[in-house]
Amino acid sequence: MKFTAAALAGLLLLSACAAPVPPAPAAPALPSPEQQIQDQLVAMAAPNQDLATARVRDDDNCFWFSYVGPVETTELPLLTRQGRHICAPKPVEAEAPAEPETAA
């Protein structure tokens, strides 16, 4: 009985000396593509533009926002601090396969 109590006490003392294992670091969460675009717009856009209403128009592929004035709401182009339009890259269109030539 004394031996069992001594062995148990020894195990408890030895386990107290063990270093705790730190948890594995969590992988950093990547922002969504929409959030990345929003962050880039915020960095590029001039102040006093409503980025919450910004969207890409299909006809020119540039960002526009809604300006709510005292009389009417107007669509305005989203501009940089230098006054340039902020546009999305042109989508790449797939080329149609070439017609095979027929021998006459």
Protein backbone atom coordinates (compact mmCIF):
# COMPACT_ATOMS: atom_id res chain seq x y z
CA MET A 1 0.00 0.00 0.00
CA LYS A 2 2.81 2.37 0.89
CA PHE A 3 4.52 1.50 -2.41
CA THR A 4 1.39 2.28 -4.43
CA ALA A 5 0.90 5.63 -2.67
CA ALA A 6 4.58 6.51 -3.18
CA ALA A 7 4.42 5.56 -6.88
CA LEU A 8 1.27 7.63 -7.37
CA ALA A 9 2.83 10.62 -5.59
CA GLY A 10 5.95 10.27 -7.76
CA LEU A 11 3.91 10.20 -10.97
CA LEU A 12 2.00 13.31 -9.90
CA LEU A 13 5.26 15.14 -9.16
CA LEU A 14 6.79 14.11 -12.50
CA SER A 15 3.70 15.14 -14.47
CA ALA A 16 3.84 18.58 -12.86
CA CYS A 17 7.32 19.06 -14.39
CA ALA A 18 6.15 18.43 -17.95
CA ALA A 19 5.96 21.51 -20.15
CA PRO A 20 2.50 22.26 -21.49
CA VAL A 21 2.10 21.87 -25.24
CA PRO A 22 1.15 25.21 -26.84
CA PRO A 23 -1.80 25.12 -29.23
CA ALA A 24 -1.00 25.18 -32.93
CA PRO A 25 -1.23 28.67 -34.41
CA ALA A 26 -4.38 29.24 -36.40
CA ALA A 27 -3.98 30.00 -40.09
CA PRO A 28 -4.75 33.63 -40.88
CA ALA A 29 -8.20 34.05 -42.35
CA LEU A 30 -8.14 35.39 -45.89
CA PRO A 31 -10.68 38.06 -46.78
CA SER A 32 -13.29 37.20 -49.36
CA PRO A 33 -12.82 38.46 -52.95
CA GLU A 34 -15.62 40.98 -52.38
CA GLN A 35 -13.88 42.29 -49.26
CA GLN A 36 -10.57 42.55 -51.14
CA ILE A 37 -12.24 44.62 -53.87
CA GLN A 38 -13.93 46.81 -51.25
CA ASP A 39 -10.59 47.38 -49.50
CA GLN A 40 -8.94 48.37 -52.79
CA LEU A 41 -11.78 50.79 -53.59
CA VAL A 42 -11.49 52.43 -50.19
CA ALA A 43 -7.74 52.86 -50.70
CA MET A 44 -8.12 54.34 -54.22
CA ALA A 45 -11.29 56.44 -54.02
CA ALA A 46 -11.38 60.12 -53.27
CA PRO A 47 -13.23 61.17 -50.12
CA ASN A 48 -16.90 62.20 -50.07
CA GLN A 49 -18.08 59.42 -52.38
CA ASP A 50 -20.66 56.84 -51.26
CA LEU A 51 -18.75 53.57 -51.61
CA ALA A 52 -21.70 51.61 -50.21
CA THR A 53 -23.58 52.20 -53.48
CA ALA A 54 -20.58 51.63 -55.79
CA ARG A 55 -21.04 49.10 -58.57
CA VAL A 56 -19.59 48.28 -61.99
CA ARG A 57 -21.65 49.34 -64.99
CA ASP A 58 -21.65 46.95 -67.93
CA ASP A 59 -21.44 49.61 -70.63
CA ASP A 60 -18.03 51.04 -69.59
CA ASN A 61 -16.78 48.53 -66.96
CA CYS A 62 -16.15 51.39 -64.51
CA PHE A 63 -17.38 51.92 -60.95
CA TRP A 64 -20.26 54.35 -60.40
CA PHE A 65 -22.01 55.44 -57.22
CA SER A 66 -25.31 57.09 -56.36
CA TYR A 67 -25.10 60.68 -55.16
CA VAL A 68 -28.25 61.63 -53.27
CA GLY A 69 -28.69 65.37 -53.71
CA PRO A 70 -31.35 67.69 -52.29
CA VAL A 71 -33.52 67.32 -55.41
CA GLU A 72 -32.56 64.11 -57.17
CA THR A 73 -30.30 61.08 -57.05
CA THR A 74 -27.55 61.10 -59.68
CA GLU A 75 -25.20 58.38 -60.88
CA LEU A 76 -21.61 59.63 -60.76
CA PRO A 77 -18.35 57.90 -61.69
CA LEU A 78 -16.18 56.78 -58.79
CA LEU A 79 -12.97 58.81 -58.97
CA THR A 80 -9.50 58.54 -57.49
CA ARG A 81 -7.90 61.39 -55.54
CA GLN A 82 -6.25 62.42 -58.83
CA GLY A 83 -9.65 62.64 -60.58
CA ARG A 84 -9.31 59.48 -62.70
CA HIS A 85 -12.12 56.97 -63.19
CA ILE A 86 -11.84 53.68 -61.28
CA CYS A 87 -12.50 50.87 -63.74
CA ALA A 88 -12.41 47.10 -63.51
CA PRO A 89 -10.18 45.13 -65.89
CA LYS A 90 -11.81 44.29 -69.19
CA PRO A 91 -13.11 40.71 -69.19
CA VAL A 92 -11.19 38.41 -71.49
CA GLU A 93 -13.39 37.09 -74.26
CA ALA A 94 -12.66 33.68 -75.67
CA GLU A 95 -11.84 33.71 -79.35
CA ALA A 96 -14.09 31.70 -81.62
CA PRO A 97 -12.34 28.68 -83.13
CA ALA A 98 -11.18 29.27 -86.70
CA GLU A 99 -13.14 27.63 -89.48
CA PRO A 100 -11.14 24.83 -91.08
CA GLU A 101 -10.27 25.57 -94.68
CA THR A 102 -11.67 23.18 -97.25
CA ALA A 103 -9.63 22.18 -100.26
CA ALA A 104 -11.34 22.92 -103.54
